[in-house]
């Protein structure tokens, strides 16, 4: 089944306790589409970049069978840029600089050939833009997944709740779940969020794994202990790409398959953090992915 990812394609400049980079490729849609490419070959991308975005990276997308007809290039603009510094715990960070550039006022355009997508991933964007994107579809996709962040809860809560009510699945981290609902208990927070409209919720807990909620069902996937973590940027987006990529590949949204998708998403995210930016997820083999997935299965497997 076809997958469409709509979101940012960007430049990042990253500082962590283990090193720092100059401008490298980032953006939610970059991580999502690359991760999904290992699962589904009908993989389309909608976003915008400026005249400074390297053709070599567009070729990387295409080499991963990512269709880039929906990637606009603004000949007079510059690509979105984010500069951040992570603290020693690698869970918190400071934004040092943000340049919206071509994202300022951007409204995604959906090519006609993408209208029949069955799976839609709305990367983290302004909630009004996410809603406007969803409304562009003549026929609603079978499964719509949304990512968001605390900023929109601070400045656009009503718009965020409006779009949450229109999607099938939302993915947020634990602090965002608490902020969105005012509930400290993640189980209570999950019940509140599911009451807003989506059938499925994923709460990401970083190095402590991920929780999947649907109705009264709960599934927990632990995080794989890694020897080295260089850069957590994009890990959540990479998780989302692996998750929805698996769903698109199997065309199965049952709870049992959603559980498998969480494992695949977690495996992809574990690769992402091993190098800066998208470098690690650009060059994975099927054997590496299978081995990493089995590592998650073994970690959580036990008998009574």
C-alpha atoms as a PDB file:
ATOM      1  CA  UNK A   1       0.000   0.000   0.000  1.00  0.00           C
ATOM      2  CA  UNK A   2       1.194   3.523  -0.702  1.00  0.00           C
ATOM      3  CA  UNK A   3       2.527   5.794   2.032  1.00  0.00           C
ATOM      4  CA  UNK A   4       2.696   9.577   1.925  1.00  0.00           C
ATOM      5  CA  UNK A   5       4.802  11.553   4.379  1.00  0.00           C
ATOM      6  CA  UNK A   6       4.189  15.293   4.720  1.00  0.00           C
ATOM      7  CA  UNK A   7       6.611  17.326   6.810  1.00  0.00           C
ATOM      8  CA  UNK A   8       9.843  19.262   7.033  1.00  0.00           C
ATOM      9  CA  UNK A   9      13.010  18.587   5.078  1.00  0.00           C
ATOM     10  CA  UNK A  10      15.679  20.668   6.736  1.00  0.00           C
ATOM     11  CA  UNK A  11      19.211  21.465   7.795  1.00  0.00           C
ATOM     12  CA  UNK A  12      20.272  20.814  11.383  1.00  0.00           C
ATOM     13  CA  UNK A  13      23.337  21.838  13.340  1.00  0.00           C
ATOM     14  CA  UNK A  14      23.726  19.617  16.380  1.00  0.00           C
ATOM     15  CA  UNK A  15      25.836  19.656  19.525  1.00  0.00           C
ATOM     16  CA  UNK A  16      25.909  16.719  21.949  1.00  0.00           C
ATOM     17  CA  UNK A  17      28.323  15.657  24.715  1.00  0.00           C
ATOM     18  CA  UNK A  18      29.926  13.388  22.083  1.00  0.00           C
ATOM     19  CA  UNK A  19      30.580  15.915  19.353  1.00  0.00           C
ATOM     20  CA  UNK A  20      29.031  18.484  17.072  1.00  0.00           C
ATOM     21  CA  UNK A  21      28.226  18.986  13.405  1.00  0.00           C
ATOM     22  CA  UNK A  22      28.034  21.725  10.854  1.00  0.00           C
ATOM     23  CA  UNK A  23      24.870  21.815   8.716  1.00  0.00           C
ATOM     24  CA  UNK A  24      23.583  18.308   8.076  1.00  0.00           C
ATOM     25  CA  UNK A  25      20.350  16.941   6.639  1.00  0.00           C
ATOM     26  CA  UNK A  26      17.437  16.832   9.073  1.00  0.00           C
ATOM     27  CA  UNK A  27      13.725  17.447   9.207  1.00  0.00           C
ATOM     28  CA  UNK A  28      10.912  15.147  10.294  1.00  0.00           C
ATOM     29  CA  UNK A  29       9.965  14.041   6.779  1.00  0.00           C
ATOM     30  CA  UNK A  30      13.569  13.107   5.950  1.00  0.00           C
ATOM     31  CA  UNK A  31      13.820  10.714   8.889  1.00  0.00           C
ATOM     32  CA  UNK A  32      10.303   9.309   8.417  1.00  0.00           C
ATOM     33  CA  UNK A  33      10.599   8.650   4.689  1.00  0.00           C
ATOM     34  CA  UNK A  34      14.069   7.128   4.932  1.00  0.00           C
ATOM     35  CA  UNK A  35      13.045   4.783   7.751  1.00  0.00           C
ATOM     36  CA  UNK A  36       9.850   3.760   5.949  1.00  0.00           C
ATOM     37  CA  UNK A  37      11.790   3.048   2.749  1.00  0.00           C
ATOM     38  CA  UNK A  38      13.115  -0.198   4.232  1.00  0.00           C
ATOM     39  CA  UNK A  39       9.565  -1.541   4.430  1.00  0.00           C
ATOM     40  CA  UNK A  40       7.442  -0.106   1.628  1.00  0.00           C
ATOM     41  CA  UNK A  41       8.420   0.799  -1.930  1.00  0.00           C
ATOM     42  CA  UNK A  42       5.376   3.003  -2.561  1.00  0.00           C
ATOM     43  CA  UNK A  43       6.813   5.839  -0.539  1.00  0.00           C
ATOM     44  CA  UNK A  44       5.987   9.452  -1.412  1.00  0.00           C
ATOM     45  CA  UNK A  45       7.295  12.677   0.124  1.00  0.00           C
ATOM     46  CA  UNK A  46       5.780  16.172   0.322  1.00  0.00           C
ATOM     47  CA  UNK A  47       7.803  19.085   1.674  1.00  0.00           C
ATOM     48  CA  UNK A  48       9.724  22.189   0.668  1.00  0.00           C
ATOM     49  CA  UNK A  49      13.406  23.143   0.530  1.00  0.00           C
ATOM     50  CA  UNK A  50      15.340  26.150  -0.658  1.00  0.00           C
ATOM     51  CA  UNK A  51      17.912  26.720  -3.376  1.00  0.00           C
ATOM     52  CA  UNK A  52      20.658  25.692  -0.926  1.00  0.00           C
ATOM     53  CA  UNK A  53      19.452  22.101  -0.541  1.00  0.00           C
ATOM     54  CA  UNK A  54      21.919  19.653  -2.106  1.00  0.00           C
ATOM     55  CA  UNK A  55      20.843  17.662  -5.153  1.00  0.00           C
ATOM     56  CA  UNK A  56      22.924  14.821  -3.737  1.00  0.00           C
ATOM     57  CA  UNK A  57      20.460  14.407  -0.871  1.00  0.00           C
ATOM     58  CA  UNK A  58      17.472  14.408  -3.205  1.00  0.00           C
ATOM     59  CA  UNK A  59      19.282  11.624  -5.040  1.00  0.00           C
ATOM     60  CA  UNK A  60      19.643   9.742  -1.730  1.00  0.00           C
ATOM     61  CA  UNK A  61      15.860   9.923  -1.316  1.00  0.00           C
ATOM     62  CA  UNK A  62      15.354   8.663  -4.851  1.00  0.00           C
ATOM     63  CA  UNK A  63      17.897   5.870  -4.366  1.00  0.00           C
ATOM     64  CA  UNK A  64      15.697   4.741  -1.476  1.00  0.00           C
ATOM     65  CA  UNK A  65      12.695   4.630  -3.872  1.00  0.00           C
ATOM     66  CA  UNK A  66      11.213   7.736  -2.262  1.00  0.00           C
ATOM     67  CA  UNK A  67       9.154   9.633  -4.821  1.00  0.00           C
ATOM     68  CA  UNK A  68      10.139  13.320  -4.625  1.00  0.00           C
ATOM     69  CA  UNK A  69       7.609  14.826  -7.052  1.00  0.00           C
ATOM     70  CA  UNK A  70       6.003  16.459  -4.008  1.00  0.00           C
ATOM     71  CA  UNK A  71       9.261  18.018  -2.771  1.00  0.00           C
ATOM     72  CA  UNK A  72       9.083  21.686  -3.787  1.00  0.00           C
ATOM     73  CA  UNK A  73      12.271  23.638  -4.409  1.00  0.00           C
ATOM     74  CA  UNK A  74      11.951  27.370  -3.799  1.00  0.00           C
ATOM     75  CA  UNK A  75      14.547  28.918  -6.097  1.00  0.00           C
ATOM     76  CA  UNK A  76      14.454  32.171  -4.118  1.00  0.00           C
ATOM     77  CA  UNK A  77      14.423  30.770  -0.597  1.00  0.00           C
ATOM     78  CA  UNK A  78      16.585  29.012   1.964  1.00  0.00           C
ATOM     79  CA  UNK A  79      15.913  25.667   3.620  1.00  0.00           C
ATOM     80  CA  UNK A  80      14.554  25.509   7.185  1.00  0.00           C
ATOM     81  CA  UNK A  81      17.416  25.447   9.706  1.00  0.00           C
ATOM     82  CA  UNK A  82      17.580  24.339  13.357  1.00  0.00           C
ATOM     83  CA  UNK A  83      20.566  24.500  15.709  1.00  0.00           C
ATOM     84  CA  UNK A  84      20.359  22.699  19.034  1.00  0.00           C
ATOM     85  CA  UNK A  85      22.531  21.583  21.939  1.00  0.00           C
ATOM     86  CA  UNK A  86      21.778  18.478  24.014  1.00  0.00           C
ATOM     87  CA  UNK A  87      22.443  18.266  27.733  1.00  0.00           C
ATOM     88  CA  UNK A  88      24.531  15.502  29.288  1.00  0.00           C
ATOM     89  CA  UNK A  89      21.489  13.281  29.859  1.00  0.00           C
ATOM     90  CA  UNK A  90      20.737  13.418  26.087  1.00  0.00           C
ATOM     91  CA  UNK A  91      17.020  13.700  26.932  1.00  0.00           C
ATOM     92  CA  UNK A  92      16.815  17.495  27.141  1.00  0.00           C
ATOM     93  CA  UNK A  93      18.111  20.129  24.776  1.00  0.00           C
ATOM     94  CA  UNK A  94      18.285  23.845  24.118  1.00  0.00           C
ATOM     95  CA  UNK A  95      17.306  25.408  20.816  1.00  0.00           C
ATOM     96  CA  UNK A  96      20.061  27.863  19.937  1.00  0.00           C
ATOM     97  CA  UNK A  97      18.718  29.058  16.596  1.00  0.00           C
ATOM     98  CA  UNK A  98      15.723  28.498  14.332  1.00  0.00           C
ATOM     99  CA  UNK A  99      15.338  29.881  10.823  1.00  0.00           C
ATOM    100  CA  UNK A 100      11.921  29.088   9.331  1.00  0.00           C
ATOM    101  CA  UNK A 101      12.967  30.283   5.859  1.00  0.00           C
ATOM    102  CA  UNK A 102      10.822  28.478   3.220  1.00  0.00           C
ATOM    103  CA  UNK A 103       8.588  26.973   5.927  1.00  0.00           C
ATOM    104  CA  UNK A 104       7.286  30.423   6.830  1.00  0.00           C
ATOM    105  CA  UNK A 105       3.722  30.406   5.478  1.00  0.00           C
ATOM    106  CA  UNK A 106       4.215  27.097   3.669  1.00  0.00           C
ATOM    107  CA  UNK A 107       1.132  25.062   2.774  1.00  0.00           C
ATOM    108  CA  UNK A 108       1.793  21.582   1.378  1.00  0.00           C
ATOM    109  CA  UNK A 109       0.652  20.807  -2.162  1.00  0.00           C
ATOM    110  CA  UNK A 110      -0.474  17.221  -2.775  1.00  0.00           C
ATOM    111  CA  UNK A 111       0.286  15.966  -6.315  1.00  0.00           C
ATOM    112  CA  UNK A 112      -2.672  14.281  -7.992  1.00  0.00           C
ATOM    113  CA  UNK A 113      -0.876  10.927  -8.110  1.00  0.00           C
ATOM    114  CA  UNK A 114      -0.557  10.976  -4.300  1.00  0.00           C
ATOM    115  CA  UNK A 115      -4.317  11.342  -3.774  1.00  0.00           C
ATOM    116  CA  UNK A 116      -4.838   7.583  -3.565  1.00  0.00           C
ATOM    117  CA  UNK A 117      -2.404   7.002  -0.690  1.00  0.00           C
ATOM    118  CA  UNK A 118      -3.672   4.498   1.847  1.00  0.00           C
ATOM    119  CA  UNK A 119      -1.361   5.566   4.673  1.00  0.00           C
ATOM    120  CA  UNK A 120      -0.651   9.194   5.552  1.00  0.00           C
ATOM    121  CA  UNK A 121       2.012  10.380   7.993  1.00  0.00           C
ATOM    122  CA  UNK A 122       1.619  13.995   9.107  1.00  0.00           C
ATOM    123  CA  UNK A 123       5.011  14.967  10.486  1.00  0.00           C
ATOM    124  CA  UNK A 124       5.347  17.579  13.195  1.00  0.00           C
ATOM    125  CA  UNK A 125       4.053  20.861  11.747  1.00  0.00           C
ATOM    126  CA  UNK A 126       1.755  23.737  12.679  1.00  0.00           C
ATOM    127  CA  UNK A 127      -1.604  22.066  13.528  1.00  0.00           C
ATOM    128  CA  UNK A 128      -3.499  24.288  11.090  1.00  0.00           C
ATOM    129  CA  UNK A 129      -1.176  23.108   8.314  1.00  0.00           C
ATOM    130  CA  UNK A 130      -1.741  19.485   9.304  1.00  0.00           C
ATOM    131  CA  UNK A 131      -5.505  20.045   9.151  1.00  0.00           C
ATOM    132  CA  UNK A 132      -5.288  21.842   5.808  1.00  0.00           C
ATOM    133  CA  UNK A 133      -3.224  18.961   4.429  1.00  0.00           C
ATOM    134  CA  UNK A 134      -5.726  16.354   5.560  1.00  0.00           C
ATOM    135  CA  UNK A 135      -8.570  18.321   3.997  1.00  0.00           C
ATOM    136  CA  UNK A 136      -6.854  18.240   0.594  1.00  0.00           C
ATOM    137  CA  UNK A 137      -7.703  14.561   0.133  1.00  0.00           C
ATOM    138  CA  UNK A 138     -10.813  13.725  -1.873  1.00  0.00           C
ATOM    139  CA  UNK A 139     -10.815  10.253  -0.356  1.00  0.00           C
ATOM    140  CA  UNK A 140      -9.526  10.022   3.195  1.00  0.00           C
ATOM    141  CA  UNK A 141      -6.535   7.670   3.558  1.00  0.00           C
ATOM    142  CA  UNK A 142      -7.158   4.375   5.345  1.00  0.00           C
ATOM    143  CA  UNK A 143      -4.790   5.238   8.221  1.00  0.00           C
ATOM    144  CA  UNK A 144      -3.701   8.730   9.239  1.00  0.00           C
ATOM    145  CA  UNK A 145      -0.929   9.155  11.789  1.00  0.00           C
ATOM    146  CA  UNK A 146       0.085  12.460  13.383  1.00  0.00           C
ATOM    147  CA  UNK A 147       3.132  13.647  15.271  1.00  0.00           C
ATOM    148  CA  UNK A 148       3.217  16.854  17.285  1.00  0.00           C
ATOM    149  CA  UNK A 149       5.186  18.631  20.005  1.00  0.00           C
ATOM    150  CA  UNK A 150       4.869  20.710  23.157  1.00  0.00           C
ATOM    151  CA  UNK A 151       5.223  24.026  21.287  1.00  0.00           C
ATOM    152  CA  UNK A 152       1.799  23.619  19.667  1.00  0.00           C
ATOM    153  CA  UNK A 153       0.305  22.763  23.054  1.00  0.00           C
ATOM    154  CA  UNK A 154       1.667  26.089  24.296  1.00  0.00           C
ATOM    155  CA  UNK A 155       0.482  28.299  21.430  1.00  0.00           C
ATOM    156  CA  UNK A 156      -2.148  26.398  19.389  1.00  0.00           C
ATOM    157  CA  UNK A 157      -3.939  23.970  21.708  1.00  0.00           C
ATOM    158  CA  UNK A 158      -7.409  24.380  20.157  1.00  0.00           C
ATOM    159  CA  UNK A 159      -6.102  23.836  16.627  1.00  0.00           C
ATOM    160  CA  UNK A 160      -4.082  20.839  17.801  1.00  0.00           C
ATOM    161  CA  UNK A 161      -7.090  19.208  19.452  1.00  0.00           C
ATOM    162  CA  UNK A 162      -9.121  19.805  16.288  1.00  0.00           C
ATOM    163  CA  UNK A 163      -6.680  17.889  14.109  1.00  0.00           C
ATOM    164  CA  UNK A 164      -6.144  15.166  16.724  1.00  0.00           C
ATOM    165  CA  UNK A 165      -9.872  14.461  16.467  1.00  0.00           C
ATOM    166  CA  UNK A 166      -9.465  13.730  12.738  1.00  0.00           C
ATOM    167  CA  UNK A 167      -6.633  11.170  12.803  1.00  0.00           C
ATOM    168  CA  UNK A 168      -6.384   7.450  13.532  1.00  0.00           C
ATOM    169  CA  UNK A 169      -3.137   7.489  15.490  1.00  0.00           C
ATOM    170  CA  UNK A 170      -1.093  10.074  17.361  1.00  0.00           C
ATOM    171  CA  UNK A 171       2.481   9.720  18.560  1.00  0.00           C
ATOM    172  CA  UNK A 172       3.895  11.956  21.312  1.00  0.00           C
ATOM    173  CA  UNK A 173       6.393  11.618  24.146  1.00  0.00           C
ATOM    174  CA  UNK A 174       5.545  11.152  27.804  1.00  0.00           C
ATOM    175  CA  UNK A 175       5.993  14.789  28.854  1.00  0.00           C
ATOM    176  CA  UNK A 176       3.809  15.926  25.948  1.00  0.00           C
ATOM    177  CA  UNK A 177       1.102  13.424  26.909  1.00  0.00           C
ATOM    178  CA  UNK A 178       1.069  14.872  30.406  1.00  0.00           C
ATOM    179  CA  UNK A 179       0.994  18.450  29.117  1.00  0.00           C
ATOM    180  CA  UNK A 180      -1.798  17.702  26.652  1.00  0.00           C
ATOM    181  CA  UNK A 181      -4.037  16.138  29.310  1.00  0.00           C
ATOM    182  CA  UNK A 182      -2.942  17.496  32.679  1.00  0.00           C
ATOM    183  CA  UNK A 183      -2.656  13.893  33.889  1.00  0.00           C
ATOM    184  CA  UNK A 184       0.563  12.556  35.408  1.00  0.00           C
ATOM    185  CA  UNK A 185      -0.438   8.915  35.080  1.00  0.00           C
ATOM    186  CA  UNK A 186       0.296   7.885  31.495  1.00  0.00           C
ATOM    187  CA  UNK A 187      -2.566   5.412  31.590  1.00  0.00           C
ATOM    188  CA  UNK A 188      -4.999   8.176  32.541  1.00  0.00           C
ATOM    189  CA  UNK A 189      -3.413  10.486  29.980  1.00  0.00           C
ATOM    190  CA  UNK A 190      -3.828   7.817  27.314  1.00  0.00           C
ATOM    191  CA  UNK A 191      -7.507   7.385  28.147  1.00  0.00           C
ATOM    192  CA  UNK A 192      -8.019  11.144  27.833  1.00  0.00           C
ATOM    193  CA  UNK A 193      -6.179  11.374  24.494  1.00  0.00           C
ATOM    194  CA  UNK A 194      -8.069   8.421  23.033  1.00  0.00           C
ATOM    195  CA  UNK A 195     -11.231  10.205  24.100  1.00  0.00           C
ATOM    196  CA  UNK A 196     -10.230  13.114  21.834  1.00  0.00           C
ATOM    197  CA  UNK A 197     -10.790  10.991  18.725  1.00  0.00           C
ATOM    198  CA  UNK A 198      -7.846   8.830  17.655  1.00  0.00           C
ATOM    199  CA  UNK A 199      -8.224   5.062  17.938  1.00  0.00           C
ATOM    200  CA  UNK A 200      -4.532   4.464  18.615  1.00  0.00           C
ATOM    201  CA  UNK A 201      -1.918   6.265  20.712  1.00  0.00           C
ATOM    202  CA  UNK A 202       1.823   5.789  21.006  1.00  0.00           C
ATOM    203  CA  UNK A 203       3.628   7.390  23.930  1.00  0.00           C
ATOM    204  CA  UNK A 204       7.395   7.486  23.384  1.00  0.00           C
ATOM    205  CA  UNK A 205       9.582   7.292  26.475  1.00  0.00           C
ATOM    206  CA  UNK A 206      12.992   7.738  24.869  1.00  0.00           C
ATOM    207  CA  UNK A 207      15.590   5.455  26.421  1.00  0.00           C
ATOM    208  CA  UNK A 208      12.774   3.792  28.397  1.00  0.00           C
ATOM    209  CA  UNK A 209      10.870   2.440  25.393  1.00  0.00           C
ATOM    210  CA  UNK A 210       7.384   3.070  24.023  1.00  0.00           C
ATOM    211  CA  UNK A 211       3.768   2.400  25.017  1.00  0.00           C
ATOM    212  CA  UNK A 212       0.984   1.502  22.585  1.00  0.00           C
ATOM    213  CA  UNK A 213      -2.643   2.109  23.591  1.00  0.00           C
ATOM    214  CA  UNK A 214      -5.850   1.103  21.808  1.00  0.00           C
ATOM    215  CA  UNK A 215      -9.124   0.797  23.683  1.00  0.00           C
ATOM    216  CA  UNK A 216      -8.359  -1.246  26.792  1.00  0.00           C
ATOM    217  CA  UNK A 217      -5.284  -2.831  25.174  1.00  0.00           C
ATOM    218  CA  UNK A 218      -1.767  -1.789  26.212  1.00  0.00           C
ATOM    219  CA  UNK A 219       1.570  -2.938  24.809  1.00  0.00           C
ATOM    220  CA  UNK A 220       5.022  -1.948  26.029  1.00  0.00           C
ATOM    221  CA  UNK A 221       8.215  -2.145  24.001  1.00  0.00           C
ATOM    222  CA  UNK A 222      11.454  -1.631  25.929  1.00  0.00           C
ATOM    223  CA  UNK A 223      14.351   0.322  24.488  1.00  0.00           C
ATOM    224  CA  UNK A 224      17.391  -1.646  23.438  1.00  0.00           C
ATOM    225  CA  UNK A 225      20.427  -0.848  25.625  1.00  0.00           C
ATOM    226  CA  UNK A 226      23.033   0.573  23.258  1.00  0.00           C
ATOM    227  CA  UNK A 227      26.765   0.895  23.836  1.00  0.00           C
ATOM    228  CA  UNK A 228      26.903   4.281  22.102  1.00  0.00           C
ATOM    229  CA  UNK A 229      24.319   7.031  21.618  1.00  0.00           C
ATOM    230  CA  UNK A 230      25.647   9.971  19.614  1.00  0.00           C
ATOM    231  CA  UNK A 231      22.566  11.955  18.629  1.00  0.00           C
ATOM    232  CA  UNK A 232      18.893  11.521  19.583  1.00  0.00           C
ATOM    233  CA  UNK A 233      17.731  14.025  16.934  1.00  0.00           C
ATOM    234  CA  UNK A 234      15.136  12.437  14.678  1.00  0.00           C
ATOM    235  CA  UNK A 235      14.791   9.253  16.709  1.00  0.00           C
ATOM    236  CA  UNK A 236      11.066   9.810  17.226  1.00  0.00           C
ATOM    237  CA  UNK A 237      10.554  10.514  13.530  1.00  0.00           C
ATOM    238  CA  UNK A 238      12.583   7.438  12.600  1.00  0.00           C
ATOM    239  CA  UNK A 239      10.392   5.413  14.963  1.00  0.00           C
ATOM    240  CA  UNK A 240       7.297   6.771  13.213  1.00  0.00           C
ATOM    241  CA  UNK A 241       8.753   5.891   9.806  1.00  0.00           C
ATOM    242  CA  UNK A 242       9.506   2.322  10.782  1.00  0.00           C
ATOM    243  CA  UNK A 243       6.094   1.992  12.417  1.00  0.00           C
ATOM    244  CA  UNK A 244       3.953   3.288   9.558  1.00  0.00           C
ATOM    245  CA  UNK A 245       6.267   1.782   6.942  1.00  0.00           C
ATOM    246  CA  UNK A 246       5.567  -1.672   8.373  1.00  0.00           C
ATOM    247  CA  UNK A 247       1.825  -0.967   8.403  1.00  0.00           C
ATOM    248  CA  UNK A 248       1.924   0.149   4.777  1.00  0.00           C
ATOM    249  CA  UNK A 249       3.924  -2.920   3.797  1.00  0.00           C
ATOM    250  CA  UNK A 250       1.517  -5.354   5.472  1.00  0.00           C
ATOM    251  CA  UNK A 251      -1.725  -3.378   4.990  1.00  0.00           C
ATOM    252  CA  UNK A 252      -2.787  -4.610   8.407  1.00  0.00           C
ATOM    253  CA  UNK A 253      -3.873  -2.253  11.215  1.00  0.00           C
ATOM    254  CA  UNK A 254      -4.949  -4.897  13.708  1.00  0.00           C
ATOM    255  CA  UNK A 255      -3.671  -4.456  17.267  1.00  0.00           C
ATOM    256  CA  UNK A 256      -1.379  -7.481  16.904  1.00  0.00           C
ATOM    257  CA  UNK A 257       0.251  -5.942  13.848  1.00  0.00           C
ATOM    258  CA  UNK A 258       0.473  -2.537  15.522  1.00  0.00           C
ATOM    259  CA  UNK A 259       2.534  -4.270  18.211  1.00  0.00           C
ATOM    260  CA  UNK A 260       4.880  -5.601  15.554  1.00  0.00           C
ATOM    261  CA  UNK A 261       5.070  -2.115  14.035  1.00  0.00           C
ATOM    262  CA  UNK A 262       6.166  -0.696  17.408  1.00  0.00           C
ATOM    263  CA  UNK A 263       9.025  -3.207  17.449  1.00  0.00           C
ATOM    264  CA  UNK A 264      10.092  -2.284  13.923  1.00  0.00           C
ATOM    265  CA  UNK A 265       9.834   1.428  14.724  1.00  0.00           C
ATOM    266  CA  UNK A 266      11.904   0.996  17.877  1.00  0.00           C
ATOM    267  CA  UNK A 267      14.540  -0.957  15.968  1.00  0.00           C
ATOM    268  CA  UNK A 268      14.846   1.801  13.359  1.00  0.00           C
ATOM    269  CA  UNK A 269      15.082   4.489  16.058  1.00  0.00           C
ATOM    270  CA  UNK A 270      17.880   2.538  17.745  1.00  0.00           C
ATOM    271  CA  UNK A 271      19.921   2.763  14.538  1.00  0.00           C
ATOM    272  CA  UNK A 272      19.247   6.476  14.169  1.00  0.00           C
ATOM    273  CA  UNK A 273      20.872   7.490  17.462  1.00  0.00           C
ATOM    274  CA  UNK A 274      24.132   5.701  16.669  1.00  0.00           C
ATOM    275  CA  UNK A 275      25.316   8.462  14.287  1.00  0.00           C
ATOM    276  CA  UNK A 276      24.591  12.137  13.724  1.00  0.00           C
ATOM    277  CA  UNK A 277      21.603  13.038  11.582  1.00  0.00           C
ATOM    278  CA  UNK A 278      20.286  10.609   8.975  1.00  0.00           C
ATOM    279  CA  UNK A 279      23.685   9.038   8.267  1.00  0.00           C
ATOM    280  CA  UNK A 280      23.025   5.698   9.972  1.00  0.00           C
ATOM    281  CA  UNK A 281      19.589   5.125   8.456  1.00  0.00           C
ATOM    282  CA  UNK A 282      20.771   5.878   4.934  1.00  0.00           C
ATOM    283  CA  UNK A 283      22.795   2.672   4.656  1.00  0.00           C
ATOM    284  CA  UNK A 284      21.151  -0.242   6.444  1.00  0.00           C
ATOM    285  CA  UNK A 285      20.958  -3.814   5.222  1.00  0.00           C
ATOM    286  CA  UNK A 286      17.958  -6.091   5.635  1.00  0.00           C
ATOM    287  CA  UNK A 287      20.177  -8.398   7.709  1.00  0.00           C
ATOM    288  CA  UNK A 288      21.010  -5.585  10.132  1.00  0.00           C
ATOM    289  CA  UNK A 289      17.338  -4.729  10.559  1.00  0.00           C
ATOM    290  CA  UNK A 290      16.319  -8.363  11.096  1.00  0.00           C
ATOM    291  CA  UNK A 291      19.073  -8.813  13.671  1.00  0.00           C
ATOM    292  CA  UNK A 292      18.138  -5.628  15.521  1.00  0.00           C
ATOM    293  CA  UNK A 293      14.439  -6.578  15.557  1.00  0.00           C
ATOM    294  CA  UNK A 294      15.353  -9.994  16.959  1.00  0.00           C
ATOM    295  CA  UNK A 295      17.315  -8.217  19.663  1.00  0.00           C
ATOM    296  CA  UNK A 296      14.134  -6.449  20.745  1.00  0.00           C
ATOM    297  CA  UNK A 297      12.160  -9.686  20.644  1.00  0.00           C
ATOM    298  CA  UNK A 298      14.761 -11.472  22.759  1.00  0.00           C
ATOM    299  CA  UNK A 299      14.940  -8.590  25.231  1.00  0.00           C
ATOM    300  CA  UNK A 300      11.221  -8.774  25.997  1.00  0.00           C
ATOM    301  CA  UNK A 301      10.692 -12.546  25.675  1.00  0.00           C
ATOM    302  CA  UNK A 302      10.163 -14.701  28.746  1.00  0.00           C
ATOM    303  CA  UNK A 303       8.177 -17.719  29.894  1.00  0.00           C
ATOM    304  CA  UNK A 304       6.353 -18.376  33.157  1.00  0.00           C
END
